[in-house]
N, C-alpha and C. Protein backbone atom coordinates (compact mmCIF):
# COMPACT_ATOMS: atom_id res chain seq x y z
N MET A 1 0.81 -1.17 0.00
CA MET A 1 0.00 0.00 0.00
C MET A 1 0.87 1.26 0.00
N LYS A 2 1.97 1.21 0.79
CA LYS A 2 2.88 2.34 0.83
C LYS A 2 3.50 2.59 -0.54
N LYS A 3 3.82 1.52 -1.24
CA LYS A 3 4.43 1.65 -2.55
C LYS A 3 3.46 2.30 -3.53
N ILE A 4 2.21 1.96 -3.44
CA ILE A 4 1.20 2.54 -4.34
C ILE A 4 1.04 4.03 -4.04
N LEU A 5 0.95 4.37 -2.76
CA LEU A 5 0.82 5.78 -2.38
C LEU A 5 2.06 6.57 -2.78
N SER A 6 3.22 5.97 -2.62
CA SER A 6 4.46 6.64 -3.03
C SER A 6 4.49 6.85 -4.54
N ALA A 7 4.07 5.84 -5.28
CA ALA A 7 4.04 5.94 -6.74
C ALA A 7 3.05 7.02 -7.18
N ILE A 8 1.89 7.07 -6.53
CA ILE A 8 0.89 8.09 -6.87
C ILE A 8 1.43 9.49 -6.54
N ALA A 9 2.07 9.62 -5.39
CA ALA A 9 2.62 10.91 -4.98
C ALA A 9 3.71 11.37 -5.94
N ILE A 10 4.57 10.45 -6.35
CA ILE A 10 5.64 10.79 -7.29
C ILE A 10 5.05 11.16 -8.65
N SER A 11 4.05 10.41 -9.11
CA SER A 11 3.46 10.72 -10.41
C SER A 11 2.73 12.07 -10.39
N ILE A 12 2.06 12.38 -9.28
CA ILE A 12 1.37 13.68 -9.17
C ILE A 12 2.39 14.82 -9.15
N SER A 13 3.47 14.64 -8.39
CA SER A 13 4.49 15.69 -8.34
C SER A 13 5.17 15.86 -9.70
N THR A 14 5.33 14.75 -10.44
CA THR A 14 5.91 14.82 -11.78
C THR A 14 4.99 15.58 -12.72
N ILE A 15 3.69 15.30 -12.63
CA ILE A 15 2.71 15.99 -13.48
C ILE A 15 2.70 17.49 -13.19
N ILE A 16 2.74 17.83 -11.91
CA ILE A 16 2.74 19.25 -11.53
C ILE A 16 4.00 19.94 -12.03
N ALA A 17 5.14 19.28 -11.87
CA ALA A 17 6.40 19.86 -12.33
C ALA A 17 6.42 20.00 -13.84
N ALA A 18 5.88 19.01 -14.54
CA ALA A 18 5.86 19.06 -16.00
C ALA A 18 4.93 20.17 -16.50
N SER A 19 3.78 20.32 -15.85
CA SER A 19 2.84 21.35 -16.29
C SER A 19 3.41 22.75 -16.05
N SER A 20 4.14 22.94 -14.96
CA SER A 20 4.74 24.26 -14.72
C SER A 20 5.89 24.50 -15.69
N ALA A 21 6.59 23.45 -16.10
CA ALA A 21 7.66 23.60 -17.08
C ALA A 21 7.09 23.99 -18.43
N PHE A 22 5.93 23.46 -18.79
CA PHE A 22 5.30 23.82 -20.05
C PHE A 22 4.74 25.24 -19.99
N ALA A 23 4.34 25.70 -18.84
CA ALA A 23 3.77 27.03 -18.71
C ALA A 23 4.84 28.11 -18.82
N ALA A 24 6.05 27.83 -18.44
CA ALA A 24 7.11 28.83 -18.45
C ALA A 24 7.39 29.39 -19.84
N PRO A 25 7.51 28.59 -20.89
CA PRO A 25 7.79 29.17 -22.20
C PRO A 25 6.68 30.11 -22.68
N GLU A 26 5.42 29.82 -22.36
CA GLU A 26 4.34 30.72 -22.76
C GLU A 26 4.54 32.09 -22.13
N HIS A 27 4.91 32.09 -20.88
CA HIS A 27 5.15 33.35 -20.19
C HIS A 27 6.31 34.10 -20.84
N MET A 28 7.34 33.40 -21.22
CA MET A 28 8.48 34.03 -21.87
C MET A 28 8.07 34.60 -23.22
N ASP A 29 7.22 33.88 -23.97
CA ASP A 29 6.76 34.38 -25.26
C ASP A 29 5.97 35.67 -25.08
N ASN A 30 5.11 35.70 -24.07
CA ASN A 30 4.34 36.92 -23.81
C ASN A 30 5.26 38.06 -23.43
N HIS A 31 6.29 37.75 -22.66
CA HIS A 31 7.24 38.78 -22.25
C HIS A 31 7.98 39.31 -23.48
N GLN A 32 8.38 38.41 -24.37
CA GLN A 32 9.08 38.83 -25.58
C GLN A 32 8.16 39.65 -26.48
N GLN A 33 6.90 39.25 -26.59
CA GLN A 33 5.95 40.00 -27.41
C GLN A 33 5.72 41.38 -26.82
N SER A 34 5.64 41.45 -25.51
CA SER A 34 5.45 42.74 -24.84
C SER A 34 6.65 43.64 -25.07
N ALA A 35 7.85 43.07 -24.98
CA ALA A 35 9.06 43.85 -25.20
C ALA A 35 9.11 44.34 -26.65
N GLN A 36 8.73 43.48 -27.59
CA GLN A 36 8.73 43.86 -28.99
C GLN A 36 7.68 44.95 -29.25
N LYS A 37 6.53 44.83 -28.60
CA LYS A 37 5.48 45.84 -28.75
C LYS A 37 5.97 47.19 -28.24
N ASN A 38 6.65 47.18 -27.08
CA ASN A 38 7.19 48.43 -26.54
C ASN A 38 8.24 49.03 -27.47
N GLN A 39 9.05 48.16 -28.08
CA GLN A 39 10.07 48.63 -29.00
C GLN A 39 9.42 49.25 -30.24
N ASN A 40 8.35 48.63 -30.75
CA ASN A 40 7.64 49.17 -31.90
C ASN A 40 7.03 50.53 -31.57
N GLN A 41 6.45 50.66 -30.37
CA GLN A 41 5.86 51.93 -29.97
C GLN A 41 6.94 53.01 -29.86
N ALA A 42 8.09 52.66 -29.34
CA ALA A 42 9.19 53.62 -29.22
C ALA A 42 9.64 54.07 -30.60
N HIS A 43 9.70 53.14 -31.55
CA HIS A 43 10.10 53.46 -32.92
C HIS A 43 9.07 54.38 -33.57
N GLN A 44 7.78 54.10 -33.35
CA GLN A 44 6.73 54.95 -33.91
C GLN A 44 6.79 56.35 -33.31
N ASN A 45 7.03 56.44 -32.00
CA ASN A 45 7.15 57.75 -31.36
C ASN A 45 8.33 58.53 -31.93
N GLN A 46 9.43 57.83 -32.19
CA GLN A 46 10.61 58.49 -32.76
C GLN A 46 10.30 59.00 -34.16
N GLN A 47 9.59 58.20 -34.97
CA GLN A 47 9.21 58.64 -36.31
C GLN A 47 8.29 59.85 -36.24
N HIS A 48 7.35 59.84 -35.28
CA HIS A 48 6.42 60.96 -35.13
C HIS A 48 7.18 62.23 -34.77
N MET A 49 8.15 62.11 -33.87
CA MET A 49 8.93 63.29 -33.46
C MET A 49 9.75 63.82 -34.63
N GLN A 50 10.30 62.93 -35.46
CA GLN A 50 11.07 63.37 -36.61
C GLN A 50 10.18 64.10 -37.60
N SER A 51 8.98 63.56 -37.86
CA SER A 51 8.08 64.22 -38.81
C SER A 51 7.60 65.55 -38.24
N HIS A 52 7.40 65.61 -36.91
CA HIS A 52 6.97 66.85 -36.27
C HIS A 52 8.07 67.90 -36.38
N SER A 53 9.33 67.52 -36.17
CA SER A 53 10.43 68.48 -36.27
C SER A 53 10.61 68.93 -37.72
N ASN A 54 10.37 68.04 -38.69
CA ASN A 54 10.43 68.43 -40.09
C ASN A 54 9.34 69.44 -40.42
N ALA A 55 8.16 69.26 -39.84
CA ALA A 55 7.07 70.20 -40.07
C ALA A 55 7.43 71.56 -39.49
N GLN A 56 8.08 71.60 -38.34
CA GLN A 56 8.49 72.87 -37.75
C GLN A 56 9.53 73.56 -38.63
N LYS A 57 10.44 72.80 -39.22
CA LYS A 57 11.45 73.39 -40.08
C LYS A 57 10.82 74.01 -41.32
N THR A 58 9.79 73.35 -41.88
CA THR A 58 9.14 73.92 -43.05
C THR A 58 8.35 75.16 -42.68
N GLN A 59 7.77 75.19 -41.48
CA GLN A 59 7.05 76.37 -41.05
C GLN A 59 8.01 77.53 -40.83
N ALA A 60 9.21 77.25 -40.38
CA ALA A 60 10.18 78.30 -40.13
C ALA A 60 10.59 78.97 -41.44
N LYS A 61 10.46 78.29 -42.56
CA LYS A 61 10.83 78.83 -43.86
C LYS A 61 9.65 79.51 -44.55
N GLN A 62 8.60 79.81 -43.80
CA GLN A 62 7.41 80.45 -44.35
C GLN A 62 7.81 81.79 -44.98
N ASN A 63 7.43 81.99 -46.23
CA ASN A 63 7.70 83.26 -46.90
C ASN A 63 6.48 84.14 -46.78
N TRP A 64 6.60 85.18 -45.98
CA TRP A 64 5.49 86.11 -45.79
C TRP A 64 5.55 87.16 -46.88
N LYS A 65 4.41 87.44 -47.50
CA LYS A 65 4.33 88.47 -48.54
C LYS A 65 3.08 89.31 -48.31
N VAL A 66 3.24 90.61 -48.47
CA VAL A 66 2.11 91.52 -48.32
C VAL A 66 1.06 91.18 -49.38
N GLY A 67 -0.19 91.10 -48.95
CA GLY A 67 -1.29 90.77 -49.85
C GLY A 67 -1.71 89.32 -49.78
N ASN A 68 -0.82 88.45 -49.32
CA ASN A 68 -1.17 87.03 -49.18
C ASN A 68 -2.11 86.83 -48.00
N GLN A 69 -2.78 85.68 -47.98
CA GLN A 69 -3.64 85.31 -46.86
C GLN A 69 -2.78 84.93 -45.66
N TYR A 70 -3.19 85.40 -44.50
CA TYR A 70 -2.52 85.01 -43.26
C TYR A 70 -3.05 83.64 -42.86
N PRO A 71 -2.18 82.63 -42.63
CA PRO A 71 -2.62 81.26 -42.36
C PRO A 71 -3.44 81.12 -41.08
N ASN A 72 -4.44 80.25 -41.11
CA ASN A 72 -5.31 79.98 -39.96
C ASN A 72 -4.52 79.49 -38.75
N GLN A 73 -3.49 78.71 -38.98
CA GLN A 73 -2.76 78.08 -37.88
C GLN A 73 -2.06 79.10 -36.98
N TYR A 74 -1.89 80.33 -37.45
CA TYR A 74 -1.22 81.35 -36.65
C TYR A 74 -2.19 82.40 -36.09
N ARG A 75 -3.48 82.18 -36.19
CA ARG A 75 -4.45 83.18 -35.73
C ARG A 75 -4.83 83.04 -34.27
N SER A 76 -4.22 82.15 -33.55
CA SER A 76 -4.56 81.96 -32.13
C SER A 76 -3.98 83.09 -31.28
N SER A 77 -4.48 83.20 -30.07
CA SER A 77 -4.06 84.28 -29.18
C SER A 77 -2.59 84.16 -28.77
N GLY A 78 -2.02 82.98 -28.89
CA GLY A 78 -0.61 82.79 -28.55
C GLY A 78 0.33 83.56 -29.47
N TYR A 79 -0.11 83.88 -30.67
CA TYR A 79 0.71 84.61 -31.63
C TYR A 79 0.41 86.11 -31.62
N LYS A 80 -0.68 86.52 -30.99
CA LYS A 80 -1.05 87.94 -30.97
C LYS A 80 -0.03 88.74 -30.17
N VAL A 81 0.19 89.98 -30.62
CA VAL A 81 1.16 90.86 -29.99
C VAL A 81 0.48 92.19 -29.67
N ASP A 82 0.79 92.74 -28.51
CA ASP A 82 0.32 94.08 -28.15
C ASP A 82 1.33 95.09 -28.69
N TYR A 83 0.90 95.97 -29.57
CA TYR A 83 1.81 96.91 -30.22
C TYR A 83 2.48 97.85 -29.21
N ARG A 84 1.85 98.09 -28.05
CA ARG A 84 2.40 99.02 -27.06
C ARG A 84 3.65 98.46 -26.39
N GLN A 85 3.84 97.16 -26.43
CA GLN A 85 5.01 96.55 -25.80
C GLN A 85 6.20 96.46 -26.74
N HIS A 86 6.02 96.86 -27.99
CA HIS A 86 7.09 96.79 -29.00
C HIS A 86 7.18 98.15 -29.69
N LYS A 87 8.34 98.81 -29.58
CA LYS A 87 8.50 100.17 -30.10
C LYS A 87 8.37 100.25 -31.61
N LYS A 88 8.77 99.22 -32.31
CA LYS A 88 8.78 99.31 -33.77
C LYS A 88 7.41 99.08 -34.41
N LEU A 89 6.40 98.74 -33.63
CA LEU A 89 5.08 98.47 -34.18
C LEU A 89 4.18 99.69 -34.06
N ALA A 90 3.54 100.02 -35.17
CA ALA A 90 2.58 101.13 -35.19
C ALA A 90 1.25 100.66 -34.63
N LYS A 91 0.44 101.61 -34.20
CA LYS A 91 -0.88 101.28 -33.69
C LYS A 91 -1.73 100.74 -34.84
N PRO A 92 -2.32 99.55 -34.67
CA PRO A 92 -3.14 99.00 -35.75
C PRO A 92 -4.47 99.75 -35.86
N ALA A 93 -4.95 99.89 -37.07
CA ALA A 93 -6.25 100.53 -37.31
C ALA A 93 -7.36 99.56 -36.93
N HIS A 94 -8.59 100.02 -37.09
CA HIS A 94 -9.75 99.17 -36.82
C HIS A 94 -9.69 97.93 -37.73
N ASN A 95 -10.01 96.75 -37.20
CA ASN A 95 -9.98 95.47 -37.91
C ASN A 95 -8.57 95.06 -38.34
N GLN A 96 -7.57 95.42 -37.55
CA GLN A 96 -6.20 95.00 -37.80
C GLN A 96 -5.61 94.43 -36.51
N GLN A 97 -4.68 93.49 -36.66
CA GLN A 97 -4.07 92.84 -35.50
C GLN A 97 -2.62 92.49 -35.82
N TRP A 98 -1.72 92.74 -34.87
CA TRP A 98 -0.32 92.34 -35.00
C TRP A 98 -0.15 90.91 -34.48
N TYR A 99 0.67 90.14 -35.17
CA TYR A 99 1.04 88.79 -34.77
C TYR A 99 2.55 88.65 -34.86
N LYS A 100 3.11 87.78 -34.04
CA LYS A 100 4.54 87.47 -34.14
C LYS A 100 4.69 85.98 -34.44
N VAL A 101 5.29 85.70 -35.61
CA VAL A 101 5.49 84.32 -36.04
C VAL A 101 6.92 84.20 -36.57
N ASN A 102 7.66 83.24 -36.03
CA ASN A 102 9.03 82.97 -36.49
C ASN A 102 9.88 84.24 -36.54
N ASN A 103 9.78 85.05 -35.48
CA ASN A 103 10.56 86.27 -35.33
C ASN A 103 10.22 87.32 -36.40
N HIS A 104 9.00 87.29 -36.93
CA HIS A 104 8.48 88.32 -37.83
C HIS A 104 7.21 88.88 -37.23
N TYR A 105 7.07 90.20 -37.29
CA TYR A 105 5.83 90.84 -36.86
C TYR A 105 4.98 91.05 -38.11
N ILE A 106 3.74 90.58 -38.04
CA ILE A 106 2.87 90.60 -39.21
C ILE A 106 1.58 91.31 -38.84
N LEU A 107 1.23 92.33 -39.63
CA LEU A 107 -0.02 93.05 -39.44
C LEU A 107 -1.06 92.44 -40.38
N GLU A 108 -2.16 91.99 -39.78
CA GLU A 108 -3.19 91.28 -40.55
C GLU A 108 -4.50 92.06 -40.51
N ASN A 109 -5.21 92.05 -41.62
CA ASN A 109 -6.57 92.56 -41.67
C ASN A 109 -7.46 91.45 -41.14
N THR A 110 -8.17 91.70 -40.05
CA THR A 110 -8.95 90.64 -39.40
C THR A 110 -10.25 90.32 -40.14
N VAL A 111 -10.63 91.14 -41.12
CA VAL A 111 -11.85 90.88 -41.88
C VAL A 111 -11.57 89.89 -43.01
N ASN A 112 -10.58 90.20 -43.86
CA ASN A 112 -10.30 89.32 -45.00
C ASN A 112 -9.01 88.52 -44.83
N HIS A 113 -8.32 88.68 -43.69
CA HIS A 113 -7.11 87.93 -43.32
C HIS A 113 -5.95 88.14 -44.30
N ALA A 114 -5.89 89.33 -44.89
CA ALA A 114 -4.78 89.66 -45.77
C ALA A 114 -3.62 90.22 -44.93
N ILE A 115 -2.41 89.92 -45.36
CA ILE A 115 -1.23 90.46 -44.70
C ILE A 115 -1.02 91.88 -45.21
N LEU A 116 -0.95 92.84 -44.28
CA LEU A 116 -0.82 94.24 -44.63
C LEU A 116 0.61 94.75 -44.52
N LYS A 117 1.35 94.24 -43.53
CA LYS A 117 2.71 94.72 -43.30
C LYS A 117 3.52 93.64 -42.61
N ILE A 118 4.82 93.60 -42.92
CA ILE A 118 5.73 92.61 -42.32
C ILE A 118 6.96 93.35 -41.82
N ILE A 119 7.33 93.09 -40.57
CA ILE A 119 8.53 93.68 -39.99
C ILE A 119 9.37 92.54 -39.41
N ALA A 120 10.64 92.48 -39.83
CA ALA A 120 11.54 91.45 -39.30
C ALA A 120 11.82 91.74 -37.84
N GLY A 121 11.78 90.68 -37.01
CA GLY A 121 11.96 90.84 -35.57
C GLY A 121 13.38 90.89 -35.21
């Protein structure tokens, strides 16, 4: 009877050990997939930052010309300038607003969004 119980105990412990050994590689695969997923996300973030910096470089090369339309992307309050704080800016007339973009001061007609004057900063 002892031999049977010992044999059963050994076989059960063997089964438990074998099942845990089979479970370990699955966990490793998930870990490797997770690491690869993180690496892919890091690569995508790097590509996004490169494209974003390229977009900023192209914006910096914006050629401002009197009479052209003032772009929508620069009409926010963050670009608006108070003429009283800058000596070189004249007082804007009715329906006019000064903006500062890429170290240029631009006077815009707020009705038709035409560029009226450009002063290098």
